Amino acid sequence: MTVVASVAAAAIAILILSSLVQIAQGKTVLDRLLATALAAANSLVLLMLLGFVFDRVSFFGDIGLAYALLAFLFPIAFARYLEAEANKAKGGSGSLTPDDEGSGS
C-alpha cells in the first residue's frame, strides 16, 4: 500500500505543480482562476490520500471538508469581484445590487 500511495502522491504532486505553472503563466485571469480551482481539487485528493496513509481518515476528512468549502467559495467570490470591476469600468457604480434610486419611495 505504501508504494502505491507514494506513486499516487507523486503523480498528484506533478499535477499540482503543473497547475501552479498555469497560475503563474496563464494568459487570462480566467485561465489562472481555473488553474487555481484545479490545484485546490488536486490538493484535496492529496490530503485525503495522506489520511489513508496515516490511517486518520476522519481527521484529514474534516480538514479536507473545510478546505473544499473554501476552494468552492473562492472562485465565486473572485468572479463577483471581477464582475463588479467590469461594471465600474463600464461606468456603473460597481455594485452588484440594483440601485434604489428612482424607485419612487
Foldseek 3Di string as FASTA:
>chain_A
DVVVLVVVLVVLVVLLVVLVVCLVDPPDPVSNLVSLLSNLVSVLVNLCSVCVVVVNNVVSVVVSVVSVVVSVVVVVVVVLQVVLVVCVVVVHPSDPDDDCPPVPD
